[in-house]
Each structure stands twice: as structure tokens, then as C-alpha cells.
Protein backbone atom coordinates (compact mmCIF):
# COMPACT_ATOMS: atom_id res chain seq x y z
CA HIS A 1 122.34 -17.02 219.45
CA LEU A 2 125.83 -17.29 220.87
CA PRO A 3 128.46 -15.14 219.15
CA ARG A 4 130.98 -16.88 216.99
CA ARG A 5 134.26 -17.30 218.77
CA SER A 6 136.13 -15.90 215.80
CA LYS A 7 134.29 -12.59 216.29
CA MET A 8 134.59 -12.36 220.04
CA ARG A 9 137.93 -11.58 221.60
CA THR A 10 138.97 -13.27 224.81
CA ALA A 11 139.19 -9.86 226.44
CA ASP A 12 135.48 -9.33 225.73
CA TRP A 13 134.57 -12.50 227.59
CA ARG A 14 136.85 -11.55 230.45
CA LYS A 15 134.97 -8.26 230.79
CA ILE A 16 131.76 -10.25 230.98
CA TRP A 17 133.25 -12.47 233.69
CA ALA A 18 134.32 -9.35 235.58
CA GLY A 19 130.74 -8.12 235.54
CA GLY A 20 131.27 -5.21 233.18
CA LEU A 21 128.47 -6.16 230.81
CA PHE A 22 125.89 -7.71 233.14
CA GLY A 23 125.81 -6.03 236.60
CA ALA A 24 122.57 -4.27 237.57
CA SER A 25 120.85 -4.96 234.25
CA ALA A 26 120.93 -8.68 235.07
CA VAL A 27 119.09 -8.06 238.34
CA PHE A 28 116.46 -6.08 236.45
CA LEU A 29 116.17 -8.92 233.93
CA ALA A 30 115.67 -11.40 236.75
CA SER A 31 112.86 -9.32 238.24
CA ILE A 32 111.09 -9.09 234.89
CA LEU A 33 111.42 -12.82 234.26
CA SER A 34 110.05 -13.61 237.72
CA ALA A 35 107.03 -11.39 237.13
CA VAL A 36 106.36 -12.87 233.72
CA MET A 37 106.66 -16.47 234.94
CA ALA A 38 104.33 -15.69 237.84
CA GLY A 39 101.73 -14.45 235.36
CA GLY A 40 101.70 -10.94 236.80
CA PRO A 41 102.28 -7.56 235.10
CA VAL A 42 105.73 -6.06 234.99
CA MET A 43 104.51 -2.52 235.61
CA ALA A 44 103.02 -1.44 238.91
CA GLN A 45 99.31 -2.06 239.34
CA ASP A 46 96.78 0.66 239.77
CA GLN A 47 96.81 2.08 243.28
CA THR A 48 93.07 1.44 243.63
CA GLN A 49 93.74 -2.26 243.12
CA GLN A 50 96.59 -2.30 245.62
CA ALA A 51 94.56 -0.69 248.33
CA GLY A 52 92.52 -3.10 250.39
CA PRO A 53 91.68 -3.92 253.97
CA THR A 54 93.32 -7.36 253.91
CA PRO A 55 96.67 -7.70 252.12
CA GLN A 56 97.10 -11.04 250.38
CA PRO A 57 100.27 -13.10 251.04
CA ALA A 58 102.90 -13.05 248.29
CA GLN A 59 102.74 -15.95 245.86
CA VAL A 60 106.05 -17.67 245.04
CA ALA A 61 106.43 -18.33 241.34
CA GLN A 62 107.05 -21.94 240.39
CA VAL A 63 109.63 -21.66 237.64
CA SER A 64 111.29 -24.55 235.83
CA PRO A 65 114.98 -24.34 234.86
CA ALA A 66 114.12 -24.76 231.18
CA SER A 67 112.08 -21.54 231.23
CA ILE A 68 114.96 -19.33 232.39
CA ALA A 69 117.63 -18.49 229.81
CA PHE A 70 120.33 -17.20 232.14
CA ARG A 71 122.53 -18.76 234.81
CA THR A 72 125.21 -17.71 237.31
CA LEU A 73 128.85 -18.79 237.35
CA ASP A 74 131.43 -18.29 240.10
CA GLN A 75 134.61 -17.99 238.05
CA ASP A 76 136.83 -17.87 241.16
CA ARG A 77 135.40 -21.15 242.39
CA LEU A 78 135.81 -22.63 238.91
CA LEU A 79 139.51 -21.79 239.07
CA ARG A 80 140.00 -22.94 242.67
CA GLU A 81 138.10 -26.24 242.53
CA SER A 82 138.66 -27.59 239.03
CA ARG A 83 141.66 -29.89 238.60
CA LEU A 84 143.21 -27.75 235.91
CA GLY A 85 142.66 -24.61 237.99
CA MET A 86 144.24 -26.19 241.07
CA GLN A 87 147.23 -27.27 238.96
CA ILE A 88 147.68 -23.76 237.61
CA LEU A 89 147.31 -22.18 241.07
CA ALA A 90 149.90 -24.62 242.44
CA THR A 91 152.29 -23.62 239.65
CA ILE A 92 151.78 -19.96 240.50
CA ARG A 93 152.33 -20.54 244.22
CA ASP A 94 155.51 -22.57 243.56
CA ALA A 95 156.94 -19.80 241.38
CA GLU A 96 156.11 -17.14 243.98
CA ARG A 97 157.62 -19.24 246.75
CA ALA A 98 160.81 -19.74 244.72
CA LEU A 99 161.12 -16.00 244.15
CA GLU A 100 160.65 -15.31 247.85
CA GLU A 101 163.38 -17.81 248.71
CA GLU A 102 165.73 -16.24 246.16
CA ASN A 103 165.06 -12.79 247.60
CA ALA A 104 165.69 -14.01 251.13
CA THR A 105 169.00 -15.61 250.12
CA ILE A 106 170.18 -12.49 248.33
CA ALA A 107 169.12 -10.25 251.23
CA ALA A 108 171.11 -12.42 253.66
CA GLN A 109 174.20 -12.23 251.42
CA LEU A 110 173.96 -8.45 251.20
CA ALA A 111 173.51 -8.14 254.93
CA ALA A 112 176.65 -10.25 255.49
CA GLU A 113 178.63 -8.11 253.04
CA GLU A 114 177.46 -4.95 254.78
CA GLN A 115 178.52 -6.37 258.13
CA ASP A 116 181.96 -7.27 256.76
CA LEU A 117 182.37 -3.77 255.34
CA THR A 118 181.42 -2.25 258.69
CA GLN A 119 184.01 -4.36 260.48
CA LEU A 120 186.71 -3.32 257.98
CA ARG A 121 186.01 0.36 258.44
CA ALA A 122 188.45 0.73 261.30
CA SER A 123 191.28 -0.68 259.19
CA LEU A 124 190.58 1.42 256.10
CA THR A 125 191.34 5.01 255.26
CA PRO A 126 188.29 7.24 254.79
CA GLU A 127 188.85 7.27 251.04
CA GLU A 128 189.13 3.47 250.85
CA PHE A 129 186.02 2.98 252.94
CA ARG A 130 184.08 5.52 250.87
CA THR A 131 185.07 3.76 247.64
CA ARG A 132 184.00 0.36 248.96
CA ALA A 133 180.78 1.75 250.43
CA GLU A 134 179.83 3.41 247.16
CA ALA A 135 180.53 0.20 245.26
CA PHE A 136 178.41 -1.74 247.72
CA ASP A 137 175.54 0.75 247.42
CA ALA A 138 175.70 0.52 243.63
CA ARG A 139 175.55 -3.25 243.84
CA VAL A 140 172.55 -3.09 246.17
CA GLU A 141 170.71 -0.81 243.75
CA ALA A 142 171.51 -3.13 240.84
CA VAL A 143 170.22 -6.13 242.79
CA ARG A 144 167.05 -4.26 243.78
CA ALA A 145 166.38 -3.36 240.15
CA GLU A 146 166.99 -6.94 239.03
CA ARG A 147 164.64 -8.30 241.72
CA ASN A 148 161.93 -5.81 240.76
CA GLN A 149 162.25 -6.88 237.13
CA ARG A 150 162.02 -10.52 238.16
CA ALA A 151 158.85 -9.77 240.13
CA LEU A 152 157.30 -8.09 237.08
CA GLU A 153 158.21 -11.06 234.92
CA LEU A 154 156.63 -13.42 237.42
CA ALA A 155 153.45 -11.33 237.48
CA ARG A 156 153.26 -11.59 233.69
CA GLN A 157 153.83 -15.36 233.89
CA ASN A 158 151.04 -15.68 236.46
CA GLU A 159 148.72 -13.69 234.22
CA ALA A 160 149.59 -15.99 231.33
CA GLU A 161 148.78 -19.02 233.49
CA ALA A 162 145.40 -17.57 234.42
CA GLN A 163 144.77 -16.71 230.77
CA ARG A 164 145.61 -20.29 229.79
CA PHE A 165 142.95 -21.54 232.19
CA PHE A 166 140.40 -19.13 230.78
CA ASN A 167 141.22 -20.15 227.22
CA ALA A 168 140.66 -23.77 228.20
CA ALA A 169 137.38 -23.02 230.00
CA LEU A 170 135.83 -20.82 227.32
CA PRO A 171 134.93 -23.49 224.72
CA ILE A 172 133.59 -25.76 227.48
CA LEU A 173 131.36 -22.98 228.76
CA GLU A 174 130.18 -22.21 225.24
CA ARG A 175 129.14 -25.83 224.71
CA LEU A 176 127.42 -25.83 228.09
CA LEU A 177 125.41 -22.74 227.17
CA ILE A 178 124.30 -24.33 223.91
CA GLU A 179 123.31 -27.59 225.60
CA GLN A 180 121.36 -25.85 228.34
CA GLY A 181 119.74 -23.28 226.06
CA ILE A 182 121.35 -20.46 228.03
CA VAL A 183 121.81 -17.02 226.47
CA ALA A 184 123.52 -15.21 229.36
CA VAL A 185 125.81 -16.01 232.30
CA MET A 186 126.44 -13.58 235.13
CA ARG A 187 128.30 -13.41 238.41
CA PRO A 188 126.49 -14.68 241.52
CA ASP A 189 126.86 -11.33 243.31
CA ALA A 190 124.87 -9.66 240.51
CA MET A 191 121.75 -11.42 241.85
CA ILE A 192 119.90 -10.51 245.02
CA LEU A 193 117.83 -13.69 245.28
CA GLY A 194 117.33 -16.81 243.20
CA PRO A 195 117.08 -20.61 243.30
CA ASP A 196 120.19 -22.74 243.68
CA TRP A 197 119.76 -24.37 240.27
CA LEU A 198 120.65 -21.08 238.59
CA ASP A 199 124.29 -21.75 239.58
CA ILE A 200 126.06 -23.79 236.90
CA THR A 201 129.45 -23.63 238.63
CA PRO A 202 129.39 -27.27 239.85
CA LEU A 203 128.45 -28.47 236.37
CA ALA A 204 131.17 -26.32 234.80
CA ILE A 205 133.74 -27.77 237.22
CA GLU A 206 132.60 -31.29 236.31
CA ARG A 207 132.95 -30.54 232.60
CA MET A 208 136.42 -29.03 233.14
CA ASP A 209 137.57 -32.07 235.13
CA THR A 210 136.30 -34.39 232.40
CA ALA A 211 138.11 -32.45 229.68
CA TYR A 212 141.35 -31.92 231.65
CA PRO A 213 141.59 -34.63 234.33
CA HIS A 214 145.36 -34.52 234.82
CA GLN A 215 147.21 -32.44 232.26
CA ARG A 216 146.93 -28.80 231.28
CA PRO A 217 145.78 -28.01 227.73
CA VAL A 218 148.40 -27.75 225.01
CA GLU A 219 148.95 -24.28 223.60
CA PRO A 220 147.90 -24.03 219.92
């Protein structure tokens, strides 16, 4: 049974999406399921049975989707190709571009001020130049600290945007698991080999686009 959302924190699901809870164990699960569906034993056969003059070709198991209770999901593709994900990524890129433009403008202003101070050096006493240079250096340090703080704030905003997408996707994925009779979802790179129908990413994108065709979800 799926866990109740009230008892599962979002961070727990994010660890699952990152592969922390499925990894190699999912590959082992897939090998066991393949052996069971093929009607063969999970454990190795007796060596006397394996030995023979004419090896038999491997038989490919014919497995129906309904008989397998796990699927794969490419969460990066879900973010990149769903309408809500593309909207959020565009918002993030716009904010990063705006910050880069602000930094470039400020850097140009500081460079001009430094050039002006250099040109004034010949007309200033050493004490006057030192005072102005120290004031300029202090201003540069203050601007650098302010820009670093702005970059940290933007990183937190971007994380919040990504979290908003995940919060919107989670209930849709939960309903999809219930409808499909799925008990586990893992990353595609956790599998070595498997049929294409194990990937529910296209279906998840379709469900996301149906739920959020144009607007982003409203925060509770």
C-alpha cells in the first residue's frame, strides 16, 4: 500500500527521487521478477544440470505490464518537458539573467570609478589619494558582499521554485501509482535492461500538463 501523505515528508520522497532508497536493490528486484515471470528458479541451478554438450539459447520472458509492480521515472525529463516545469525553468533562467545583467552594470560602474580615481592621482596629494582609494576599496568590498548575498537569495528562490514543482507533481504521481497498481518507482539509470513500457515519464508528463496546462499551482 502507498504511504499516507500525512506521514511521509516531502524530503523523504525527494530522497527516493535521488535514488537513495532504490539504487542497486531495484536492479536485484528486477532480476528476481524476471526469473519468476519466466518460470525459472531464482537460485543457481545444479552444476550437473548446467553442464551439457549443447547449450540451449536463452529464452526471453514474455511479461505483461500488469504483472510488474514497479516502473521508472525520469524526474529531470518531467521537469524539462512538462508545461509547468518549463514555466518554472523559464522563471529561474530569467532571474539568473537579470542578476547577471545587474552584476555587469555594477562592474562597469566600478571600473569607471577606478579609472577616474587613477586619472585624478596626479592632481592629488598622497594622503588625499590614499583616502579616496581606501574609500573606493571599502565600497567595492561592500558591493561584493551585497552581490554574494543576492546570489544566495536567488539560489534559495530557485530551490523554492523546484520544490513548488515537486509539490505539484507528487499527488499526481501518487494517483498514477494507485491507478497502475505500482508499488515502487525508480530512476532509469538504476536499471541495466528492461522494456520501454516500464518508463512512465511520458504518462506523468501528460498528467502534469492536464492538471497544469497554463498556470502554476497556487500555494496552500
